[in-house]
Each structure stands twice: as C-alpha cells, then as structure tokens.
Amino acid sequence: RELVIHGHRNGWGMLNRHPMLGIEFPAYQKIQRLAGVDQLHVN
C-alpha cells in the first residue's frame, strides 16, 4: 500500500475468449479489487 499497482491482464484471452468457458470481466475485476489492484486493463 505504498505504490499504485497497475494490473496488466495479459493472458486474458485464455480466460474469456470462448463465449462458453472461463470467467467474465465483472467477476474478474472483483477478484482484483479484493486483492487490492488500483488500475486494471479493460481493452
């Protein structure tokens, strides 16, 4: 909690690209918020 944390989601396609497999971003970003990420890529 001393530096801003910029969260890069490279590899996102393997988690989301198929419409019937993986995780949608609304759930994904909540996980990152719980972890404490300050900035998160959204395309």
PDB file of all heavy atoms in Angstrom:
ATOM      1  N   ARG A   1       0.802  -1.234   0.000  1.00  0.00           N
ATOM      2  CA  ARG A   1       0.000   0.000   0.000  1.00  0.00           C
ATOM      3  C   ARG A   1       0.834   1.283   0.000  1.00  0.00           C
ATOM      4  O   ARG A   1       0.450   2.305   0.570  1.00  0.00           O
ATOM      5  CB  ARG A   1      -0.989   0.002   1.183  1.00  0.00           C
ATOM      6  CG  ARG A   1      -1.902  -1.218   1.169  1.00  0.00           C
ATOM      7  CD  ARG A   1      -2.834  -1.264   2.351  1.00  0.00           C
ATOM      8  NE  ARG A   1      -3.937  -0.307   2.241  1.00  0.00           N
ATOM      9  CZ  ARG A   1      -5.003  -0.459   1.485  1.00  0.00           C
ATOM     10  NH1 ARG A   1      -5.119  -1.549   0.717  1.00  0.00           N
ATOM     11  NH2 ARG A   1      -5.961   0.447   1.465  1.00  0.00           N
ATOM     12  N   GLU A   2       1.974   1.238  -0.673  1.00  0.00           N
ATOM     13  CA  GLU A   2       2.817   2.430  -0.795  1.00  0.00           C
ATOM     14  C   GLU A   2       2.893   2.937  -2.225  1.00  0.00           C
ATOM     15  O   GLU A   2       3.136   4.129  -2.453  1.00  0.00           O
ATOM     16  CB  GLU A   2       4.233   2.118  -0.299  1.00  0.00           C
ATOM     17  CG  GLU A   2       4.305   1.745   1.165  1.00  0.00           C
ATOM     18  CD  GLU A   2       5.688   1.255   1.552  1.00  0.00           C
ATOM     19  OE1 GLU A   2       6.102   0.187   1.041  1.00  0.00           O
ATOM     20  OE2 GLU A   2       6.353   1.942   2.350  1.00  0.00           O
ATOM     21  N   LEU A   3       2.734   2.038  -3.195  1.00  0.00           N
ATOM     22  CA  LEU A   3       2.764   2.388  -4.616  1.00  0.00           C
ATOM     23  C   LEU A   3       1.421   2.061  -5.256  1.00  0.00           C
ATOM     24  O   LEU A   3       0.738   1.110  -4.851  1.00  0.00           O
ATOM     25  CB  LEU A   3       3.864   1.606  -5.345  1.00  0.00           C
ATOM     26  CG  LEU A   3       5.310   1.788  -4.889  1.00  0.00           C
ATOM     27  CD1 LEU A   3       6.212   0.824  -5.647  1.00  0.00           C
ATOM     28  CD2 LEU A   3       5.760   3.233  -5.075  1.00  0.00           C
ATOM     29  N   VAL A   4       1.043   2.836  -6.258  1.00  0.00           N
ATOM     30  CA  VAL A   4      -0.097   2.488  -7.090  1.00  0.00           C
ATOM     31  C   VAL A   4       0.223   1.189  -7.828  1.00  0.00           C
ATOM     32  O   VAL A   4       1.326   1.035  -8.374  1.00  0.00           O
ATOM     33  CB  VAL A   4      -0.386   3.614  -8.103  1.00  0.00           C
ATOM     34  CG1 VAL A   4      -1.495   3.202  -9.067  1.00  0.00           C
ATOM     35  CG2 VAL A   4      -0.749   4.915  -7.385  1.00  0.00           C
ATOM     36  N   ILE A   5      -0.718   0.249  -7.833  1.00  0.00           N
ATOM     37  CA  ILE A   5      -0.489  -1.031  -8.518  1.00  0.00           C
ATOM     38  C   ILE A   5      -1.289  -1.061  -9.816  1.00  0.00           C
ATOM     39  O   ILE A   5      -2.522  -0.999  -9.826  1.00  0.00           O
ATOM     40  CB  ILE A   5      -0.877  -2.225  -7.629  1.00  0.00           C
ATOM     41  CG1 ILE A   5      -0.057  -2.208  -6.339  1.00  0.00           C
ATOM     42  CG2 ILE A   5      -0.665  -3.537  -8.383  1.00  0.00           C
ATOM     43  CD1 ILE A   5       1.453  -2.244  -6.539  1.00  0.00           C
ATOM     44  N   HIS A   6      -0.543  -1.135 -10.913  1.00  0.00           N
ATOM     45  CA  HIS A   6      -1.107  -1.187 -12.255  1.00  0.00           C
ATOM     46  C   HIS A   6      -1.234  -2.660 -12.645  1.00  0.00           C
ATOM     47  O   HIS A   6      -0.234  -3.353 -12.839  1.00  0.00           O
ATOM     48  CB  HIS A   6      -0.175  -0.438 -13.221  1.00  0.00           C
ATOM     49  CG  HIS A   6      -0.653  -0.386 -14.636  1.00  0.00           C
ATOM     50  ND1 HIS A   6      -1.436   0.632 -15.126  1.00  0.00           N
ATOM     51  CD2 HIS A   6      -0.442  -1.237 -15.679  1.00  0.00           C
ATOM     52  CE1 HIS A   6      -1.694   0.423 -16.404  1.00  0.00           C
ATOM     53  NE2 HIS A   6      -1.100  -0.709 -16.770  1.00  0.00           N
ATOM     54  N   GLY A   7      -2.464  -3.142 -12.750  1.00  0.00           N
ATOM     55  CA  GLY A   7      -2.693  -4.550 -13.056  1.00  0.00           C
ATOM     56  C   GLY A   7      -2.832  -4.793 -14.550  1.00  0.00           C
ATOM     57  O   GLY A   7      -3.790  -4.324 -15.179  1.00  0.00           O
ATOM     58  N   HIS A   8      -1.856  -5.498 -15.115  1.00  0.00           N
ATOM     59  CA  HIS A   8      -1.921  -5.860 -16.538  1.00  0.00           C
ATOM     60  C   HIS A   8      -2.489  -7.267 -16.647  1.00  0.00           C
ATOM     61  O   HIS A   8      -2.000  -8.192 -16.001  1.00  0.00           O
ATOM     62  CB  HIS A   8      -0.534  -5.797 -17.180  1.00  0.00           C
ATOM     63  CG  HIS A   8      -0.583  -5.706 -18.671  1.00  0.00           C
ATOM     64  ND1 HIS A   8      -1.163  -6.676 -19.458  1.00  0.00           N
ATOM     65  CD2 HIS A   8      -0.136  -4.750 -19.534  1.00  0.00           C
ATOM     66  CE1 HIS A   8      -1.063  -6.336 -20.731  1.00  0.00           C
ATOM     67  NE2 HIS A   8      -0.454  -5.166 -20.805  1.00  0.00           N
ATOM     68  N   ARG A   9      -3.521  -7.416 -17.471  1.00  0.00           N
ATOM     69  CA  ARG A   9      -4.224  -8.705 -17.536  1.00  0.00           C
ATOM     70  C   ARG A   9      -3.772  -9.558 -18.719  1.00  0.00           C
ATOM     71  O   ARG A   9      -4.542 -10.403 -19.199  1.00  0.00           O
ATOM     72  CB  ARG A   9      -5.733  -8.463 -17.621  1.00  0.00           C
ATOM     73  CG  ARG A   9      -6.169  -7.801 -18.928  1.00  0.00           C
ATOM     74  CD  ARG A   9      -7.687  -7.642 -19.024  1.00  0.00           C
ATOM     75  NE  ARG A   9      -8.065  -7.312 -20.387  1.00  0.00           N
ATOM     76  CZ  ARG A   9      -9.320  -7.161 -20.804  1.00  0.00           C
ATOM     77  NH1 ARG A   9     -10.314  -7.280 -19.947  1.00  0.00           N
ATOM     78  NH2 ARG A   9      -9.581  -6.877 -22.072  1.00  0.00           N
ATOM     79  N   ASN A  10      -2.526  -9.399 -19.211  1.00  0.00           N
ATOM     80  CA  ASN A  10      -2.085 -10.193 -20.357  1.00  0.00           C
ATOM     81  C   ASN A  10      -2.353 -11.677 -20.097  1.00  0.00           C
ATOM     82  O   ASN A  10      -2.113 -12.199 -19.021  1.00  0.00           O
ATOM     83  CB  ASN A  10      -0.604  -9.929 -20.679  1.00  0.00           C
ATOM     84  CG  ASN A  10       0.314 -10.059 -19.493  1.00  0.00           C
ATOM     85  OD1 ASN A  10       0.808 -11.138 -19.199  1.00  0.00           O
ATOM     86  ND2 ASN A  10       0.552  -8.959 -18.792  1.00  0.00           N
ATOM     87  N   GLY A  11      -2.856 -12.348 -21.105  1.00  0.00           N
ATOM     88  CA  GLY A  11      -3.348 -13.717 -20.946  1.00  0.00           C
ATOM     89  C   GLY A  11      -4.854 -13.767 -20.766  1.00  0.00           C
ATOM     90  O   GLY A  11      -5.431 -14.857 -20.649  1.00  0.00           O
ATOM     91  N   TRP A  12      -5.507 -12.610 -20.779  1.00  0.00           N
ATOM     92  CA  TRP A  12      -6.944 -12.538 -20.556  1.00  0.00           C
ATOM     93  C   TRP A  12      -7.716 -13.393 -21.558  1.00  0.00           C
ATOM     94  O   TRP A  12      -8.719 -14.025 -21.207  1.00  0.00           O
ATOM     95  CB  TRP A  12      -7.392 -11.078 -20.646  1.00  0.00           C
ATOM     96  CG  TRP A  12      -8.870 -10.850 -20.701  1.00  0.00           C
ATOM     97  CD1 TRP A  12      -9.574 -10.308 -21.731  1.00  0.00           C
ATOM     98  CD2 TRP A  12      -9.828 -11.158 -19.679  1.00  0.00           C
ATOM     99  NE1 TRP A  12     -10.920 -10.256 -21.425  1.00  0.00           N
ATOM    100  CE2 TRP A  12     -11.101 -10.777 -20.170  1.00  0.00           C
ATOM    101  CE3 TRP A  12      -9.745 -11.727 -18.416  1.00  0.00           C
ATOM    102  CZ2 TRP A  12     -12.275 -10.935 -19.435  1.00  0.00           C
ATOM    103  CZ3 TRP A  12     -10.909 -11.894 -17.674  1.00  0.00           C
ATOM    104  CH2 TRP A  12     -12.149 -11.503 -18.180  1.00  0.00           C
ATOM    105  N   GLY A  13      -7.249 -13.458 -22.789  1.00  0.00           N
ATOM    106  CA  GLY A  13      -7.977 -14.201 -23.803  1.00  0.00           C
ATOM    107  C   GLY A  13      -8.187 -15.663 -23.445  1.00  0.00           C
ATOM    108  O   GLY A  13      -9.231 -16.245 -23.745  1.00  0.00           O
ATOM    109  N   MET A  14      -7.210 -16.281 -22.792  1.00  0.00           N
ATOM    110  CA  MET A  14      -7.359 -17.694 -22.452  1.00  0.00           C
ATOM    111  C   MET A  14      -8.407 -17.899 -21.360  1.00  0.00           C
ATOM    112  O   MET A  14      -8.930 -19.011 -21.185  1.00  0.00           O
ATOM    113  CB  MET A  14      -6.019 -18.289 -22.007  1.00  0.00           C
ATOM    114  CG  MET A  14      -5.496 -17.770 -20.691  1.00  0.00           C
ATOM    115  SD  MET A  14      -3.894 -18.511 -20.260  1.00  0.00           S
ATOM    116  CE  MET A  14      -3.530 -17.634 -18.740  1.00  0.00           C
ATOM    117  N   LEU A  15      -8.742 -16.828 -20.622  1.00  0.00           N
ATOM    118  CA  LEU A  15      -9.742 -16.912 -19.563  1.00  0.00           C
ATOM    119  C   LEU A  15     -11.145 -16.576 -20.052  1.00  0.00           C
ATOM    120  O   LEU A  15     -12.119 -16.922 -19.395  1.00  0.00           O
ATOM    121  CB  LEU A  15      -9.377 -15.946 -18.424  1.00  0.00           C
ATOM    122  CG  LEU A  15      -7.997 -16.100 -17.796  1.00  0.00           C
ATOM    123  CD1 LEU A  15      -7.777 -15.006 -16.748  1.00  0.00           C
ATOM    124  CD2 LEU A  15      -7.840 -17.472 -17.169  1.00  0.00           C
ATOM    125  N   ASN A  16     -11.235 -15.880 -21.193  1.00  0.00           N
ATOM    126  CA  ASN A  16     -12.519 -15.289 -21.549  1.00  0.00           C
ATOM    127  C   ASN A  16     -12.935 -15.447 -23.001  1.00  0.00           C
ATOM    128  O   ASN A  16     -14.118 -15.334 -23.314  1.00  0.00           O
ATOM    129  CB  ASN A  16     -12.483 -13.782 -21.202  1.00  0.00           C
ATOM    130  CG  ASN A  16     -13.730 -13.051 -21.615  1.00  0.00           C
ATOM    131  OD1 ASN A  16     -13.760 -12.407 -22.671  1.00  0.00           O
ATOM    132  ND2 ASN A  16     -14.761 -13.131 -20.788  1.00  0.00           N
ATOM    133  N   ARG A  17     -11.987 -15.710 -23.902  1.00  0.00           N
ATOM    134  CA  ARG A  17     -12.305 -15.584 -25.329  1.00  0.00           C
ATOM    135  C   ARG A  17     -13.423 -16.509 -25.795  1.00  0.00           C
ATOM    136  O   ARG A  17     -14.247 -16.134 -26.614  1.00  0.00           O
ATOM    137  CB  ARG A  17     -11.051 -15.802 -26.164  1.00  0.00           C
ATOM    138  CG  ARG A  17     -11.279 -15.490 -27.636  1.00  0.00           C
ATOM    139  CD  ARG A  17      -9.973 -15.420 -28.410  1.00  0.00           C
ATOM    140  NE  ARG A  17     -10.200 -15.033 -29.790  1.00  0.00           N
ATOM    141  CZ  ARG A  17      -9.245 -14.796 -30.669  1.00  0.00           C
ATOM    142  NH1 ARG A  17      -7.975 -14.906 -30.290  1.00  0.00           N
ATOM    143  NH2 ARG A  17      -9.526 -14.451 -31.908  1.00  0.00           N
ATOM    144  N   HIS A  18     -13.470 -17.725 -25.255  1.00  0.00           N
ATOM    145  CA  HIS A  18     -14.563 -18.616 -25.650  1.00  0.00           C
ATOM    146  C   HIS A  18     -15.835 -18.181 -24.918  1.00  0.00           C
ATOM    147  O   HIS A  18     -15.828 -18.000 -23.702  1.00  0.00           O
ATOM    148  CB  HIS A  18     -14.232 -20.064 -25.295  1.00  0.00           C
ATOM    149  CG  HIS A  18     -15.129 -21.055 -25.974  1.00  0.00           C
ATOM    150  ND1 HIS A  18     -16.455 -21.215 -25.630  1.00  0.00           N
ATOM    151  CD2 HIS A  18     -14.898 -21.929 -26.994  1.00  0.00           C
ATOM    152  CE1 HIS A  18     -16.999 -22.143 -26.390  1.00  0.00           C
ATOM    153  NE2 HIS A  18     -16.079 -22.585 -27.230  1.00  0.00           N
ATOM    154  N   PRO A  19     -16.941 -18.010 -25.640  1.00  0.00           N
ATOM    155  CA  PRO A  19     -18.166 -17.496 -25.004  1.00  0.00           C
ATOM    156  C   PRO A  19     -18.777 -18.422 -23.963  1.00  0.00           C
ATOM    157  O   PRO A  19     -19.611 -17.986 -23.168  1.00  0.00           O
ATOM    158  CB  PRO A  19     -19.121 -17.289 -26.187  1.00  0.00           C
ATOM    159  CG  PRO A  19     -18.609 -18.179 -27.258  1.00  0.00           C
ATOM    160  CD  PRO A  19     -17.111 -18.199 -27.088  1.00  0.00           C
ATOM    161  N   MET A  20     -18.367 -19.696 -23.959  1.00  0.00           N
ATOM    162  CA  MET A  20     -18.952 -20.646 -23.010  1.00  0.00           C
ATOM    163  C   MET A  20     -17.913 -21.275 -22.087  1.00  0.00           C
ATOM    164  O   MET A  20     -18.097 -22.388 -21.596  1.00  0.00           O
ATOM    165  CB  MET A  20     -19.697 -21.752 -23.772  1.00  0.00           C
ATOM    166  CG  MET A  20     -20.983 -21.313 -24.435  1.00  0.00           C
ATOM    167  SD  MET A  20     -22.229 -20.653 -23.282  1.00  0.00           S
ATOM    168  CE  MET A  20     -22.491 -22.056 -22.205  1.00  0.00           C
ATOM    169  N   LEU A  21     -16.821 -20.570 -21.848  1.00  0.00           N
ATOM    170  CA  LEU A  21     -15.789 -21.123 -20.969  1.00  0.00           C
ATOM    171  C   LEU A  21     -15.022 -20.002 -20.291  1.00  0.00           C
ATOM    172  O   LEU A  21     -14.706 -18.983 -20.915  1.00  0.00           O
ATOM    173  CB  LEU A  21     -14.805 -21.986 -21.790  1.00  0.00           C
ATOM    174  CG  LEU A  21     -13.707 -22.708 -21.008  1.00  0.00           C
ATOM    175  CD1 LEU A  21     -14.301 -23.764 -20.075  1.00  0.00           C
ATOM    176  CD2 LEU A  21     -12.699 -23.349 -21.960  1.00  0.00           C
ATOM    177  N   GLY A  22     -14.742 -20.165 -18.996  1.00  0.00           N
ATOM    178  CA  GLY A  22     -13.854 -19.229 -18.303  1.00  0.00           C
ATOM    179  C   GLY A  22     -14.575 -18.324 -17.338  1.00  0.00           C
ATOM    180  O   GLY A  22     -15.390 -18.761 -16.514  1.00  0.00           O
ATOM    181  N   ILE A  23     -14.285 -17.030 -17.438  1.00  0.00           N
ATOM    182  CA  ILE A  23     -14.799 -16.041 -16.494  1.00  0.00           C
ATOM    183  C   ILE A  23     -15.107 -14.744 -17.247  1.00  0.00           C
ATOM    184  O   ILE A  23     -14.377 -14.375 -18.163  1.00  0.00           O
ATOM    185  CB  ILE A  23     -13.776 -15.794 -15.354  1.00  0.00           C
ATOM    186  CG1 ILE A  23     -14.315 -14.783 -14.331  1.00  0.00           C
ATOM    187  CG2 ILE A  23     -12.424 -15.352 -15.897  1.00  0.00           C
ATOM    188  CD1 ILE A  23     -13.431 -14.662 -13.084  1.00  0.00           C
ATOM    189  N   GLU A  24     -16.173 -14.085 -16.861  1.00  0.00           N
ATOM    190  CA  GLU A  24     -16.496 -12.777 -17.431  1.00  0.00           C
ATOM    191  C   GLU A  24     -15.840 -11.681 -16.597  1.00  0.00           C
ATOM    192  O   GLU A  24     -15.575 -11.850 -15.405  1.00  0.00           O
ATOM    193  CB  GLU A  24     -18.009 -12.566 -17.482  1.00  0.00           C
ATOM    194  CG  GLU A  24     -18.680 -13.247 -18.663  1.00  0.00           C
ATOM    195  CD  GLU A  24     -18.322 -12.597 -19.995  1.00  0.00           C
ATOM    196  OE1 GLU A  24     -18.817 -11.509 -20.301  1.00  0.00           O
ATOM    197  OE2 GLU A  24     -17.516 -13.221 -20.728  1.00  0.00           O
ATOM    198  N   PHE A  25     -15.608 -10.531 -17.234  1.00  0.00           N
ATOM    199  CA  PHE A  25     -14.860  -9.463 -16.585  1.00  0.00           C
ATOM    200  C   PHE A  25     -15.509  -8.926 -15.308  1.00  0.00           C
ATOM    201  O   PHE A  25     -14.800  -8.595 -14.362  1.00  0.00           O
ATOM    202  CB  PHE A  25     -14.607  -8.317 -17.567  1.00  0.00           C
ATOM    203  CG  PHE A  25     -13.561  -7.360 -17.083  1.00  0.00           C
ATOM    204  CD1 PHE A  25     -12.213  -7.617 -17.261  1.00  0.00           C
ATOM    205  CD2 PHE A  25     -13.920  -6.196 -16.419  1.00  0.00           C
ATOM    206  CE1 PHE A  25     -11.248  -6.744 -16.796  1.00  0.00           C
ATOM    207  CE2 PHE A  25     -12.970  -5.308 -15.959  1.00  0.00           C
ATOM    208  CZ  PHE A  25     -11.620  -5.588 -16.145  1.00  0.00           C
ATOM    209  N   PRO A  26     -16.842  -8.807 -15.205  1.00  0.00           N
ATOM    210  CA  PRO A  26     -17.410  -8.330 -13.944  1.00  0.00           C
ATOM    211  C   PRO A  26     -16.971  -9.151 -12.734  1.00  0.00           C
ATOM    212  O   PRO A  26     -16.746  -8.584 -11.655  1.00  0.00           O
ATOM    213  CB  PRO A  26     -18.925  -8.441 -14.177  1.00  0.00           C
ATOM    214  CG  PRO A  26     -19.076  -8.194 -15.650  1.00  0.00           C
ATOM    215  CD  PRO A  26     -17.884  -8.913 -16.263  1.00  0.00           C
ATOM    216  N   ALA A  27     -16.837 -10.460 -12.903  1.00  0.00           N
ATOM    217  CA  ALA A  27     -16.343 -11.292 -11.809  1.00  0.00           C
ATOM    218  C   ALA A  27     -14.833 -11.125 -11.630  1.00  0.00           C
ATOM    219  O   ALA A  27     -14.326 -11.009 -10.508  1.00  0.00           O
ATOM    220  CB  ALA A  27     -16.678 -12.759 -12.063  1.00  0.00           C
ATOM    221  N   TYR A  28     -14.111 -11.093 -12.736  1.00  0.00           N
ATOM    222  CA  TYR A  28     -12.646 -10.984 -12.704  1.00  0.00           C
ATOM    223  C   TYR A  28     -12.188  -9.719 -11.993  1.00  0.00           C
ATOM    224  O   TYR A  28     -11.281  -9.743 -11.160  1.00  0.00           O
ATOM    225  CB  TYR A  28     -12.140 -11.016 -14.148  1.00  0.00           C
ATOM    226  CG  TYR A  28     -10.643 -10.943 -14.334  1.00  0.00           C
ATOM    227  CD1 TYR A  28      -9.846 -12.076 -14.183  1.00  0.00           C
ATOM    228  CD2 TYR A  28     -10.028  -9.749 -14.711  1.00  0.00           C
ATOM    229  CE1 TYR A  28      -8.477 -12.021 -14.396  1.00  0.00           C
ATOM    230  CE2 TYR A  28      -8.667  -9.684 -14.928  1.00  0.00           C
ATOM    231  CZ  TYR A  28      -7.887 -10.822 -14.762  1.00  0.00           C
ATOM    232  OH  TYR A  28      -6.528 -10.748 -14.971  1.00  0.00           O
ATOM    233  N   GLN A  29     -12.811  -8.583 -12.309  1.00  0.00           N
ATOM    234  CA  GLN A  29     -12.357  -7.329 -11.714  1.00  0.00           C
ATOM    235  C   GLN A  29     -12.658  -7.279 -10.214  1.00  0.00           C
ATOM    236  O   GLN A  29     -11.943  -6.625  -9.466  1.00  0.00           O
ATOM    237  CB  GLN A  29     -12.947  -6.126 -12.462  1.00  0.00           C
ATOM    238  CG  GLN A  29     -14.452  -6.026 -12.509  1.00  0.00           C
ATOM    239  CD  GLN A  29     -15.078  -5.351 -11.321  1.00  0.00           C
ATOM    240  OE1 GLN A  29     -14.419  -4.595 -10.621  1.00  0.00           O
ATOM    241  NE2 GLN A  29     -16.350  -5.624 -11.072  1.00  0.00           N
ATOM    242  N   LYS A  30     -13.698  -7.974  -9.762  1.00  0.00           N
ATOM    243  CA  LYS A  30     -13.966  -8.017  -8.322  1.00  0.00           C
ATOM    244  C   LYS A  30     -12.856  -8.773  -7.584  1.00  0.00           C
ATOM    245  O   LYS A  30     -12.451  -8.380  -6.485  1.00  0.00           O
ATOM    246  CB  LYS A  30     -15.318  -8.672  -8.045  1.00  0.00           C
ATOM    247  CG  LYS A  30     -16.498  -7.780  -8.350  1.00  0.00           C
ATOM    248  CD  LYS A  30     -17.809  -8.478  -8.025  1.00  0.00           C
ATOM    249  CE  LYS A  30     -19.005  -7.579  -8.349  1.00  0.00           C
ATOM    250  NZ  LYS A  30     -20.287  -8.270  -8.113  1.00  0.00           N
ATOM    251  N   ILE A  31     -12.368  -9.849  -8.201  1.00  0.00           N
ATOM    252  CA  ILE A  31     -11.249 -10.586  -7.599  1.00  0.00           C
ATOM    253  C   ILE A  31     -10.044  -9.663  -7.456  1.00  0.00           C
ATOM    254  O   ILE A  31      -9.383  -9.639  -6.407  1.00  0.00           O
ATOM    255  CB  ILE A  31     -10.893 -11.816  -8.460  1.00  0.00           C
ATOM    256  CG1 ILE A  31     -12.048 -12.814  -8.473  1.00  0.00           C
ATOM    257  CG2 ILE A  31      -9.612 -12.477  -7.951  1.00  0.00           C
ATOM    258  CD1 ILE A  31     -11.888 -13.929  -9.491  1.00  0.00           C
ATOM    259  N   GLN A  32      -9.758  -8.883  -8.499  1.00  0.00           N
ATOM    260  CA  GLN A  32      -8.597  -7.987  -8.456  1.00  0.00           C
ATOM    261  C   GLN A  32      -8.811  -6.844  -7.464  1.00  0.00           C
ATOM    262  O   GLN A  32      -7.868  -6.397  -6.816  1.00  0.00           O
ATOM    263  CB  GLN A  32      -8.305  -7.441  -9.855  1.00  0.00           C
ATOM    264  CG  GLN A  32      -8.081  -8.509 -10.909  1.00  0.00           C
ATOM    265  CD  GLN A  32      -7.061  -9.558 -10.495  1.00  0.00           C
ATOM    266  OE1 GLN A  32      -6.062  -9.259  -9.852  1.00  0.00           O
ATOM    267  NE2 GLN A  32      -7.307 -10.809 -10.883  1.00  0.00           N
ATOM    268  N   ARG A  33     -10.033  -6.366  -7.324  1.00  0.00           N
ATOM    269  CA  ARG A  33     -10.310  -5.337  -6.314  1.00  0.00           C
ATOM    270  C   ARG A  33     -10.103  -5.888  -4.911  1.00  0.00           C
ATOM    271  O   ARG A  33      -9.557  -5.202  -4.045  1.00  0.00           O
ATOM    272  CB  ARG A  33     -11.739  -4.808  -6.469  1.00  0.00           C
ATOM    273  CG  ARG A  33     -11.900  -3.807  -7.595  1.00  0.00           C
ATOM    274  CD  ARG A  33     -13.075  -2.867  -7.334  1.00  0.00           C
ATOM    275  NE  ARG A  33     -14.175  -3.085  -8.254  1.00  0.00           N
ATOM    276  CZ  ARG A  33     -15.217  -2.261  -8.387  1.00  0.00           C
ATOM    277  NH1 ARG A  33     -15.298  -1.183  -7.626  1.00  0.00           N
ATOM    278  NH2 ARG A  33     -16.177  -2.513  -9.251  1.00  0.00           N
ATOM    279  N   LEU A  34     -10.552  -7.111  -4.678  1.00  0.00           N
ATOM    280  CA  LEU A  34     -10.333  -7.720  -3.366  1.00  0.00           C
ATOM    281  C   LEU A  34      -8.841  -7.856  -3.077  1.00  0.00           C
ATOM    282  O   LEU A  34      -8.392  -7.657  -1.938  1.00  0.00           O
ATOM    283  CB  LEU A  34     -11.017  -9.090  -3.294  1.00  0.00           C
ATOM    284  CG  LEU A  34     -12.542  -9.080  -3.162  1.00  0.00           C
ATOM    285  CD1 LEU A  34     -13.101 -10.473  -3.378  1.00  0.00           C
ATOM    286  CD2 LEU A  34     -12.963  -8.540  -1.794  1.00  0.00           C
ATOM    287  N   ALA A  35      -8.058  -8.184  -4.109  1.00  0.00           N
ATOM    288  CA  ALA A  35      -6.609  -8.314  -3.927  1.00  0.00           C
ATOM    289  C   ALA A  35      -5.944  -6.964  -3.688  1.00  0.00           C
ATOM    290  O   ALA A  35      -4.875  -6.903  -3.073  1.00  0.00           O
ATOM    291  CB  ALA A  35      -5.986  -8.992  -5.144  1.00  0.00           C
ATOM    292  N   GLY A  36      -6.552  -5.871  -4.181  1.00  0.00           N
ATOM    293  CA  GLY A  36      -6.007  -4.537  -3.933  1.00  0.00           C
ATOM    294  C   GLY A  36      -5.434  -3.832  -5.135  1.00  0.00           C
ATOM    295  O   GLY A  36      -4.759  -2.809  -4.986  1.00  0.00           O
ATOM    296  N   VAL A  37      -5.688  -4.334  -6.355  1.00  0.00           N
ATOM    297  CA  VAL A  37      -5.173  -3.704  -7.575  1.00  0.00           C
ATOM    298  C   VAL A  37      -5.845  -2.344  -7.764  1.00  0.00           C
ATOM    299  O   VAL A  37      -7.058  -2.210  -7.599  1.00  0.00           O
ATOM    300  CB  VAL A  37      -5.414  -4.612  -8.793  1.00  0.00           C
ATOM    301  CG1 VAL A  37      -5.086  -3.905 -10.096  1.00  0.00           C
ATOM    302  CG2 VAL A  37      -4.585  -5.892  -8.659  1.00  0.00           C
ATOM    303  N   ASP A  38      -5.066  -1.317  -8.120  1.00  0.00           N
ATOM    304  CA  ASP A  38      -5.584   0.042  -8.282  1.00  0.00           C
ATOM    305  C   ASP A  38      -6.031   0.357  -9.700  1.00  0.00           C
ATOM    306  O   ASP A  38      -6.956   1.151  -9.900  1.00  0.00           O
ATOM    307  CB  ASP A  38      -4.500   1.062  -7.894  1.00  0.00           C
ATOM    308  CG  ASP A  38      -4.126   0.987  -6.430  1.00  0.00           C
ATOM    309  OD1 ASP A  38      -4.968   1.313  -5.592  1.00  0.00           O
ATOM    310  OD2 ASP A  38      -2.979   0.579  -6.134  1.00  0.00           O
ATOM    311  N   GLN A  39      -5.347  -0.201 -10.693  1.00  0.00           N
ATOM    312  CA  GLN A  39      -5.632   0.082 -12.097  1.00  0.00           C
ATOM    313  C   GLN A  39      -5.692  -1.250 -12.846  1.00  0.00           C
ATOM    314  O   GLN A  39      -4.860  -2.132 -12.597  1.00  0.00           O
ATOM    315  CB  GLN A  39      -4.523   0.955 -12.715  1.00  0.00           C
ATOM    316  CG  GLN A  39      -4.254   2.247 -11.978  1.00  0.00           C
ATOM    317  CD  GLN A  39      -3.046   2.998 -12.519  1.00  0.00           C
ATOM    318  OE1 GLN A  39      -2.299   2.483 -13.356  1.00  0.00           O
ATOM    319  NE2 GLN A  39      -2.839   4.214 -12.042  1.00  0.00           N
ATOM    320  N   LEU A  40      -6.669  -1.393 -13.760  1.00  0.00           N
ATOM    321  CA  LEU A  40      -6.846  -2.681 -14.420  1.00  0.00           C
ATOM    322  C   LEU A  40      -7.216  -2.490 -15.889  1.00  0.00           C
ATOM    323  O   LEU A  40      -8.115  -1.714 -16.220  1.00  0.00           O
ATOM    324  CB  LEU A  40      -7.956  -3.476 -13.720  1.00  0.00           C
ATOM    325  CG  LEU A  40      -8.216  -4.891 -14.218  1.00  0.00           C
ATOM    326  CD1 LEU A  40      -6.980  -5.776 -14.085  1.00  0.00           C
ATOM    327  CD2 LEU A  40      -9.395  -5.508 -13.454  1.00  0.00           C
ATOM    328  N   HIS A  41      -6.521  -3.205 -16.762  1.00  0.00           N
ATOM    329  CA  HIS A  41      -6.764  -3.115 -18.198  1.00  0.00           C
ATOM    330  C   HIS A  41      -8.151  -3.642 -18.556  1.00  0.00           C
ATOM    331  O   HIS A  41      -8.611  -4.651 -18.014  1.00  0.00           O
ATOM    332  CB  HIS A  41      -5.700  -3.905 -18.958  1.00  0.00           C
ATOM    333  CG  HIS A  41      -4.393  -3.199 -19.053  1.00  0.00           C
ATOM    334  ND1 HIS A  41      -3.789  -2.904 -20.249  1.00  0.00           N
ATOM    335  CD2 HIS A  41      -3.568  -2.696 -18.085  1.00  0.00           C
ATOM    336  CE1 HIS A  41      -2.646  -2.266 -20.027  1.00  0.00           C
ATOM    337  NE2 HIS A  41      -2.490  -2.132 -18.723  1.00  0.00           N
ATOM    338  N   VAL A  42      -8.800  -2.942 -19.503  1.00  0.00           N
ATOM    339  CA  VAL A  42     -10.141  -3.317 -19.952  1.00  0.00           C
ATOM    340  C   VAL A  42     -10.241  -3.419 -21.473  1.00  0.00           C
ATOM    341  O   VAL A  42     -11.325  -3.582 -22.014  1.00  0.00           O
ATOM    342  CB  VAL A  42     -11.207  -2.308 -19.457  1.00  0.00           C
ATOM    343  CG1 VAL A  42     -11.307  -2.316 -17.935  1.00  0.00           C
ATOM    344  CG2 VAL A  42     -10.921  -0.897 -19.977  1.00  0.00           C
ATOM    345  N   ASN A  43      -9.112  -3.306 -22.183  1.00  0.00           N
ATOM    346  CA  ASN A  43      -9.116  -3.227 -23.644  1.00  0.00           C
ATOM    347  C   ASN A  43      -9.687  -1.871 -24.061  1.00  0.00           C
ATOM    348  O   ASN A  43      -9.755  -0.957 -23.250  1.00  0.00           O
ATOM    349  CB  ASN A  43      -9.887  -4.391 -24.271  1.00  0.00           C
ATOM    350  CG  ASN A  43      -9.293  -4.835 -25.592  1.00  0.00           C
ATOM    351  OD1 ASN A  43      -8.684  -4.066 -26.320  1.00  0.00           O
ATOM    352  ND2 ASN A  43      -9.479  -6.111 -25.901  1.00  0.00           N
TER     353      ASN A  43
END
